[in-house]
Amino acid sequence: MDHEIHKWVNSDQDYFSGVLIYDRYGRNPNLARILRRGGATVKNRLTLSYELGKIAKQIAVSDSTPALVKPQVKQEIQKAELPVPSEVITIDKLRSEQKMCYKMLDNLHAILPYKEKPERMNIAFQILELDDRLKEITIRIEHFDKHGVIPAQPVKDEPKTLSDLNTAELIKRQMTVRTYITRYKIKLEKSKSLKKRTRYQQLLDKYQLEMDDINKKLGQ
C-alpha cells in the first residue's frame, strides 16, 4: 500500500493536508511551526513539497532494503572507516564549514525581506540547500564526537531530467537556471578573452535552452 506521503507527493499537493502530514513525519519542529503559521505562500508550498519529497525518497529506500541486510552493510562500513590520523584535519574542516554555513544562513535570512520577489525566491532556495548541507555536516560531526569515526558523505541521487520534475521542482530549477543565465551574461560582457567568451556563450546558450524547456512545461 502506498504511504500517505507518496500519495500526497503524487497528488495536487493540498497545502494544509501536507502540513498535517509533515507534523506527523517531519523531523524539524521549528519548520513545522513556520509552515503552520506562515500559511500557503509560494515559498512555504515549495518548502513543504521539497521536504515531503525527501521523506518520500527515504521511505522508498527503506522499504526496498531487506531488514536482514542492514546490519551487515553497517558492519562493513564501520570496518572500512577505521580512524586514521588524517581525520583530525578532516574534522577541523567539517567544523569550519559548519561555521561558514551558519554565517551564510544568517546573512541570507537578514537580506531576504529586503529583496524583490524573484530574488527572494532564489535566496529561499539557497537557504534550503544550505540547510540540507548543514544538517549533513552536523550529523557527521556528531557521529565523530560519539564514535571517533567520520561517516562517509551520503551518496547524492542522480539528477532528475526535466520530465521527471514536479511543478515545485521545476520552479526551483527555474530559479537556479535564471541565476546561471544572469551570471554568464555578466561574464560574457566583461570578459576580454576570446576563449573565455566562447565558453561563456556556450554555457549561456545551454542554460537558455533549458530555461525555454522549463517555461514550456510550466505553461509560461
C-alpha atoms as a PDB file:
ATOM      1  CA  MET A   1       0.000   0.000   0.000  1.00  0.00           C
ATOM      2  CA  ASP A   2       1.308   3.484  -0.844  1.00  0.00           C
ATOM      3  CA  HIS A   3       2.429   5.578   2.069  1.00  0.00           C
ATOM      4  CA  GLU A   4       0.336   8.707   2.635  1.00  0.00           C
ATOM      5  CA  ILE A   5       3.397  10.856   1.901  1.00  0.00           C
ATOM      6  CA  HIS A   6       3.780   9.210  -1.514  1.00  0.00           C
ATOM      7  CA  LYS A   7       0.106   9.790  -2.199  1.00  0.00           C
ATOM      8  CA  TRP A   8       0.428  13.477  -1.285  1.00  0.00           C
ATOM      9  CA  VAL A   9       3.595  13.974  -3.377  1.00  0.00           C
ATOM     10  CA  ASN A  10       1.887  12.458  -6.418  1.00  0.00           C
ATOM     11  CA  SER A  11      -1.351  14.391  -5.907  1.00  0.00           C
ATOM     12  CA  ASP A  12      -2.310  18.066  -6.283  1.00  0.00           C
ATOM     13  CA  GLN A  13      -0.372  18.649  -3.042  1.00  0.00           C
ATOM     14  CA  ASP A  14      -3.016  20.344  -0.938  1.00  0.00           C
ATOM     15  CA  TYR A  15      -1.057  22.624   1.369  1.00  0.00           C
ATOM     16  CA  PHE A  16      -2.937  22.151   4.633  1.00  0.00           C
ATOM     17  CA  SER A  17      -3.150  18.351   4.404  1.00  0.00           C
ATOM     18  CA  GLY A  18       0.572  18.395   3.589  1.00  0.00           C
ATOM     19  CA  VAL A  19       1.303  20.403   6.734  1.00  0.00           C
ATOM     20  CA  LEU A  20      -0.576  17.820   8.814  1.00  0.00           C
ATOM     21  CA  ILE A  21       1.471  15.045   7.222  1.00  0.00           C
ATOM     22  CA  TYR A  22       4.721  16.910   7.907  1.00  0.00           C
ATOM     23  CA  ASP A  23       3.645  17.328  11.544  1.00  0.00           C
ATOM     24  CA  ARG A  24       3.500  13.537  11.805  1.00  0.00           C
ATOM     25  CA  TYR A  25       6.645  12.598   9.912  1.00  0.00           C
ATOM     26  CA  GLY A  26       8.891  15.666   9.769  1.00  0.00           C
ATOM     27  CA  ARG A  27      11.959  15.912  11.988  1.00  0.00           C
ATOM     28  CA  ASN A  28      12.136  19.684  12.244  1.00  0.00           C
ATOM     29  CA  PRO A  29       9.532  21.050  14.696  1.00  0.00           C
ATOM     30  CA  ASN A  30      10.643  24.633  14.024  1.00  0.00           C
ATOM     31  CA  LEU A  31       9.952  24.238  10.310  1.00  0.00           C
ATOM     32  CA  ALA A  32       6.597  22.618  11.063  1.00  0.00           C
ATOM     33  CA  ARG A  33       5.650  25.651  13.159  1.00  0.00           C
ATOM     34  CA  ILE A  34       6.727  28.038  10.379  1.00  0.00           C
ATOM     35  CA  LEU A  35       4.645  26.134   7.825  1.00  0.00           C
ATOM     36  CA  ARG A  36       1.573  26.193  10.069  1.00  0.00           C
ATOM     37  CA  ARG A  37       1.823  29.865  10.951  1.00  0.00           C
ATOM     38  CA  GLY A  38       3.072  31.171   7.619  1.00  0.00           C
ATOM     39  CA  GLY A  39       0.236  29.793   5.538  1.00  0.00           C
ATOM     40  CA  ALA A  40       0.199  28.698   1.896  1.00  0.00           C
ATOM     41  CA  THR A  41       2.706  31.188   0.468  1.00  0.00           C
ATOM     42  CA  VAL A  42       4.742  30.288  -2.617  1.00  0.00           C
ATOM     43  CA  LYS A  43       7.865  29.803  -0.501  1.00  0.00           C
ATOM     44  CA  ASN A  44       6.065  27.645   2.058  1.00  0.00           C
ATOM     45  CA  ARG A  45       4.454  25.495  -0.652  1.00  0.00           C
ATOM     46  CA  LEU A  46       7.830  24.897  -2.260  1.00  0.00           C
ATOM     47  CA  THR A  47       9.442  24.145   1.093  1.00  0.00           C
ATOM     48  CA  LEU A  48       6.690  21.704   2.051  1.00  0.00           C
ATOM     49  CA  SER A  49       6.874  19.886  -1.302  1.00  0.00           C
ATOM     50  CA  TYR A  50      10.663  19.736  -1.074  1.00  0.00           C
ATOM     51  CA  GLU A  51      10.712  18.367   2.491  1.00  0.00           C
ATOM     52  CA  LEU A  52       7.965  15.772   1.991  1.00  0.00           C
ATOM     53  CA  GLY A  53       9.606  14.718  -1.268  1.00  0.00           C
ATOM     54  CA  LYS A  54      12.822  13.981   0.633  1.00  0.00           C
ATOM     55  CA  ILE A  55      10.955  11.952   3.257  1.00  0.00           C
ATOM     56  CA  ALA A  56       9.175  10.016   0.498  1.00  0.00           C
ATOM     57  CA  LYS A  57      12.531   9.058  -1.011  1.00  0.00           C
ATOM     58  CA  GLN A  58      13.823   7.905   2.375  1.00  0.00           C
ATOM     59  CA  ILE A  59      10.729   5.757   2.876  1.00  0.00           C
ATOM     60  CA  ALA A  60      11.111   4.247  -0.605  1.00  0.00           C
ATOM     61  CA  VAL A  61      14.754   3.343   0.078  1.00  0.00           C
ATOM     62  CA  SER A  62      13.894   1.905   3.491  1.00  0.00           C
ATOM     63  CA  ASP A  63      11.041  -0.205   2.105  1.00  0.00           C
ATOM     64  CA  SER A  64      13.184  -1.601  -0.711  1.00  0.00           C
ATOM     65  CA  THR A  65      16.104  -2.615   1.559  1.00  0.00           C
ATOM     66  CA  PRO A  66      15.784  -6.039   3.264  1.00  0.00           C
ATOM     67  CA  ALA A  67      15.993  -5.640   7.036  1.00  0.00           C
ATOM     68  CA  LEU A  68      18.466  -8.531   7.399  1.00  0.00           C
ATOM     69  CA  VAL A  69      20.966  -6.875   5.074  1.00  0.00           C
ATOM     70  CA  LYS A  70      21.235  -3.613   7.024  1.00  0.00           C
ATOM     71  CA  PRO A  71      23.395  -4.832   9.967  1.00  0.00           C
ATOM     72  CA  GLN A  72      25.861  -6.455   7.560  1.00  0.00           C
ATOM     73  CA  VAL A  73      26.161  -3.297   5.463  1.00  0.00           C
ATOM     74  CA  LYS A  74      26.626  -1.171   8.561  1.00  0.00           C
ATOM     75  CA  GLN A  75      29.333  -3.502   9.869  1.00  0.00           C
ATOM     76  CA  GLU A  76      31.217  -3.383   6.573  1.00  0.00           C
ATOM     77  CA  ILE A  77      31.125   0.412   6.519  1.00  0.00           C
ATOM     78  CA  GLN A  78      32.494   0.633  10.051  1.00  0.00           C
ATOM     79  CA  LYS A  79      35.348  -1.755   9.222  1.00  0.00           C
ATOM     80  CA  ALA A  80      36.265   0.273   6.150  1.00  0.00           C
ATOM     81  CA  GLU A  81      36.387   3.539   8.080  1.00  0.00           C
ATOM     82  CA  LEU A  82      38.756   2.920  10.953  1.00  0.00           C
ATOM     83  CA  PRO A  83      40.128   6.160  12.447  1.00  0.00           C
ATOM     84  CA  VAL A  84      43.287   7.413  10.787  1.00  0.00           C
ATOM     85  CA  PRO A  85      45.466  10.421  11.688  1.00  0.00           C
ATOM     86  CA  SER A  86      44.231  12.451   8.711  1.00  0.00           C
ATOM     87  CA  GLU A  87      40.727  12.527  10.227  1.00  0.00           C
ATOM     88  CA  VAL A  88      41.872  15.168  12.723  1.00  0.00           C
ATOM     89  CA  ILE A  89      42.336  17.563   9.801  1.00  0.00           C
ATOM     90  CA  THR A  90      39.108  16.439   8.165  1.00  0.00           C
ATOM     91  CA  ILE A  91      37.007  17.059  11.266  1.00  0.00           C
ATOM     92  CA  ASP A  92      38.539  20.520  11.564  1.00  0.00           C
ATOM     93  CA  LYS A  93      37.471  21.250   8.005  1.00  0.00           C
ATOM     94  CA  LEU A  94      33.971  19.995   8.744  1.00  0.00           C
ATOM     95  CA  ARG A  95      33.674  22.222  11.803  1.00  0.00           C
ATOM     96  CA  SER A  96      34.962  25.178   9.772  1.00  0.00           C
ATOM     97  CA  GLU A  97      32.423  24.504   7.015  1.00  0.00           C
ATOM     98  CA  GLN A  98      29.686  24.179   9.638  1.00  0.00           C
ATOM     99  CA  LYS A  99      30.514  27.658  10.971  1.00  0.00           C
ATOM    100  CA  MET A 100      30.563  29.055   7.444  1.00  0.00           C
ATOM    101  CA  CYS A 101      27.114  27.591   6.748  1.00  0.00           C
ATOM    102  CA  TYR A 102      25.751  29.269   9.872  1.00  0.00           C
ATOM    103  CA  LYS A 103      27.232  32.620   8.803  1.00  0.00           C
ATOM    104  CA  MET A 104      25.856  32.334   5.266  1.00  0.00           C
ATOM    105  CA  LEU A 105      22.407  31.382   6.554  1.00  0.00           C
ATOM    106  CA  ASP A 106      22.394  34.323   8.955  1.00  0.00           C
ATOM    107  CA  ASN A 107      23.296  36.660   6.098  1.00  0.00           C
ATOM    108  CA  LEU A 108      20.682  35.247   3.719  1.00  0.00           C
ATOM    109  CA  HIS A 109      17.932  35.416   6.335  1.00  0.00           C
ATOM    110  CA  ALA A 110      18.921  39.023   7.092  1.00  0.00           C
ATOM    111  CA  ILE A 111      18.726  40.239   3.468  1.00  0.00           C
ATOM    112  CA  LEU A 112      15.729  38.136   2.401  1.00  0.00           C
ATOM    113  CA  PRO A 113      12.974  40.630   3.434  1.00  0.00           C
ATOM    114  CA  TYR A 114      14.615  43.492   1.510  1.00  0.00           C
ATOM    115  CA  LYS A 115      14.907  41.838  -1.918  1.00  0.00           C
ATOM    116  CA  GLU A 116      12.486  41.858  -4.841  1.00  0.00           C
ATOM    117  CA  LYS A 117      10.218  38.819  -5.256  1.00  0.00           C
ATOM    118  CA  PRO A 118      12.217  36.918  -7.933  1.00  0.00           C
ATOM    119  CA  GLU A 119      15.428  37.348  -5.956  1.00  0.00           C
ATOM    120  CA  ARG A 120      13.678  36.393  -2.703  1.00  0.00           C
ATOM    121  CA  MET A 121      12.666  33.061  -4.224  1.00  0.00           C
ATOM    122  CA  ASN A 122      16.225  32.423  -5.354  1.00  0.00           C
ATOM    123  CA  ILE A 123      17.540  33.245  -1.879  1.00  0.00           C
ATOM    124  CA  ALA A 124      14.899  30.994  -0.321  1.00  0.00           C
ATOM    125  CA  PHE A 125      16.162  28.067  -2.387  1.00  0.00           C
ATOM    126  CA  GLN A 126      19.749  28.866  -1.401  1.00  0.00           C
ATOM    127  CA  ILE A 127      18.621  28.728   2.236  1.00  0.00           C
ATOM    128  CA  LEU A 128      17.029  25.302   1.690  1.00  0.00           C
ATOM    129  CA  GLU A 129      20.196  23.958   0.082  1.00  0.00           C
ATOM    130  CA  LEU A 130      22.384  25.373   2.858  1.00  0.00           C
ATOM    131  CA  ASP A 131      20.059  23.884   5.470  1.00  0.00           C
ATOM    132  CA  ASP A 132      20.475  20.462   3.878  1.00  0.00           C
ATOM    133  CA  ARG A 133      24.255  20.821   3.759  1.00  0.00           C
ATOM    134  CA  LEU A 134      24.353  21.993   7.382  1.00  0.00           C
ATOM    135  CA  LYS A 135      22.274  19.002   8.534  1.00  0.00           C
ATOM    136  CA  GLU A 136      24.608  16.631   6.698  1.00  0.00           C
ATOM    137  CA  ILE A 137      27.720  18.219   8.223  1.00  0.00           C
ATOM    138  CA  THR A 138      26.207  18.270  11.721  1.00  0.00           C
ATOM    139  CA  ILE A 139      25.281  14.572  11.546  1.00  0.00           C
ATOM    140  CA  ARG A 140      28.828  13.658  10.518  1.00  0.00           C
ATOM    141  CA  ILE A 141      30.368  15.786  13.279  1.00  0.00           C
ATOM    142  CA  GLU A 142      28.047  14.301  15.919  1.00  0.00           C
ATOM    143  CA  HIS A 143      28.943  10.792  14.723  1.00  0.00           C
ATOM    144  CA  PHE A 144      32.645  11.611  15.013  1.00  0.00           C
ATOM    145  CA  ASP A 145      32.210  13.073  18.514  1.00  0.00           C
ATOM    146  CA  LYS A 146      30.379   9.928  19.620  1.00  0.00           C
ATOM    147  CA  HIS A 147      32.304   7.164  17.823  1.00  0.00           C
ATOM    148  CA  GLY A 148      35.614   8.731  16.785  1.00  0.00           C
ATOM    149  CA  VAL A 149      34.918   7.943  13.119  1.00  0.00           C
ATOM    150  CA  ILE A 150      33.708  10.272  10.371  1.00  0.00           C
ATOM    151  CA  PRO A 151      30.984   8.540   8.343  1.00  0.00           C
ATOM    152  CA  ALA A 152      31.220   8.655   4.580  1.00  0.00           C
ATOM    153  CA  GLN A 153      29.439  11.517   2.871  1.00  0.00           C
ATOM    154  CA  PRO A 154      25.971  10.411   1.713  1.00  0.00           C
ATOM    155  CA  VAL A 155      25.793   9.500  -1.957  1.00  0.00           C
ATOM    156  CA  LYS A 156      23.587  12.022  -3.734  1.00  0.00           C
ATOM    157  CA  ASP A 157      20.806  10.899  -6.017  1.00  0.00           C
ATOM    158  CA  GLU A 158      21.328  11.108  -9.756  1.00  0.00           C
ATOM    159  CA  PRO A 159      19.966  14.438 -11.031  1.00  0.00           C
ATOM    160  CA  LYS A 160      16.470  14.223 -12.467  1.00  0.00           C
ATOM    161  CA  THR A 161      15.614  15.178 -16.020  1.00  0.00           C
ATOM    162  CA  LEU A 162      13.086  17.977 -16.537  1.00  0.00           C
ATOM    163  CA  SER A 163      10.405  15.448 -17.443  1.00  0.00           C
ATOM    164  CA  ASP A 164      10.807  13.827 -14.014  1.00  0.00           C
ATOM    165  CA  LEU A 165      10.325  17.054 -12.040  1.00  0.00           C
ATOM    166  CA  ASN A 166       7.043  18.095 -10.442  1.00  0.00           C
ATOM    167  CA  THR A 167       5.834  21.706 -10.525  1.00  0.00           C
ATOM    168  CA  ALA A 168       7.609  22.747  -7.329  1.00  0.00           C
ATOM    169  CA  GLU A 169      10.877  21.208  -8.505  1.00  0.00           C
ATOM    170  CA  LEU A 170      10.522  22.886 -11.910  1.00  0.00           C
ATOM    171  CA  ILE A 171      10.088  26.290 -10.247  1.00  0.00           C
ATOM    172  CA  LYS A 172      13.154  25.650  -8.108  1.00  0.00           C
ATOM    173  CA  ARG A 173      15.195  24.674 -11.151  1.00  0.00           C
ATOM    174  CA  GLN A 174      13.877  27.724 -12.993  1.00  0.00           C
ATOM    175  CA  MET A 175      15.265  29.995 -10.274  1.00  0.00           C
ATOM    176  CA  THR A 176      18.638  28.248 -10.405  1.00  0.00           C
ATOM    177  CA  VAL A 177      18.886  28.416 -14.192  1.00  0.00           C
ATOM    178  CA  ARG A 178      17.873  32.082 -14.150  1.00  0.00           C
ATOM    179  CA  THR A 179      20.799  32.759 -11.807  1.00  0.00           C
ATOM    180  CA  TYR A 180      23.193  30.966 -14.183  1.00  0.00           C
ATOM    181  CA  ILE A 181      21.906  32.940 -17.161  1.00  0.00           C
ATOM    182  CA  THR A 182      22.441  36.238 -15.367  1.00  0.00           C
ATOM    183  CA  ARG A 183      25.895  35.153 -14.212  1.00  0.00           C
ATOM    184  CA  TYR A 184      27.141  34.184 -17.672  1.00  0.00           C
ATOM    185  CA  LYS A 185      25.638  37.255 -19.322  1.00  0.00           C
ATOM    186  CA  ILE A 186      27.691  39.408 -16.975  1.00  0.00           C
ATOM    187  CA  LYS A 187      30.824  37.312 -17.521  1.00  0.00           C
ATOM    188  CA  LEU A 188      30.327  37.491 -21.276  1.00  0.00           C
ATOM    189  CA  GLU A 189      30.056  41.281 -21.201  1.00  0.00           C
ATOM    190  CA  LYS A 190      33.126  41.746 -19.003  1.00  0.00           C
ATOM    191  CA  SER A 191      35.469  39.129 -20.440  1.00  0.00           C
ATOM    192  CA  LYS A 192      38.097  40.200 -22.976  1.00  0.00           C
ATOM    193  CA  SER A 193      39.448  36.696 -23.629  1.00  0.00           C
ATOM    194  CA  LEU A 194      38.098  35.124 -26.818  1.00  0.00           C
ATOM    195  CA  LYS A 195      38.465  31.637 -25.366  1.00  0.00           C
ATOM    196  CA  LYS A 196      36.522  32.557 -22.223  1.00  0.00           C
ATOM    197  CA  ARG A 197      33.871  34.461 -24.184  1.00  0.00           C
ATOM    198  CA  THR A 198      33.306  31.389 -26.375  1.00  0.00           C
ATOM    199  CA  ARG A 199      32.944  29.210 -23.279  1.00  0.00           C
ATOM    200  CA  TYR A 200      30.575  31.664 -21.571  1.00  0.00           C
ATOM    201  CA  GLN A 201      28.436  31.885 -24.712  1.00  0.00           C
ATOM    202  CA  GLN A 202      28.177  28.087 -24.866  1.00  0.00           C
ATOM    203  CA  LEU A 203      27.078  27.925 -21.237  1.00  0.00           C
ATOM    204  CA  LEU A 204      24.648  30.795 -21.743  1.00  0.00           C
ATOM    205  CA  ASP A 205      23.095  29.049 -24.756  1.00  0.00           C
ATOM    206  CA  LYS A 206      22.839  25.801 -22.810  1.00  0.00           C
ATOM    207  CA  TYR A 207      21.023  27.370 -19.852  1.00  0.00           C
ATOM    208  CA  GLN A 208      18.811  29.477 -22.108  1.00  0.00           C
ATOM    209  CA  LEU A 209      17.620  26.334 -23.897  1.00  0.00           C
ATOM    210  CA  GLU A 210      16.929  24.689 -20.547  1.00  0.00           C
ATOM    211  CA  MET A 211      15.009  27.772 -19.429  1.00  0.00           C
ATOM    212  CA  ASP A 212      12.886  27.619 -22.583  1.00  0.00           C
ATOM    213  CA  ASP A 213      12.037  23.973 -21.850  1.00  0.00           C
ATOM    214  CA  ILE A 214      11.157  24.776 -18.234  1.00  0.00           C
ATOM    215  CA  ASN A 215       8.915  27.682 -19.267  1.00  0.00           C
ATOM    216  CA  LYS A 216       7.079  25.435 -21.725  1.00  0.00           C
ATOM    217  CA  LYS A 217       6.467  22.805 -19.056  1.00  0.00           C
ATOM    218  CA  LEU A 218       5.207  25.486 -16.665  1.00  0.00           C
ATOM    219  CA  GLY A 219       2.997  26.988 -19.365  1.00  0.00           C
ATOM    220  CA  GLN A 220       4.804  30.333 -19.289  1.00  0.00           C
END
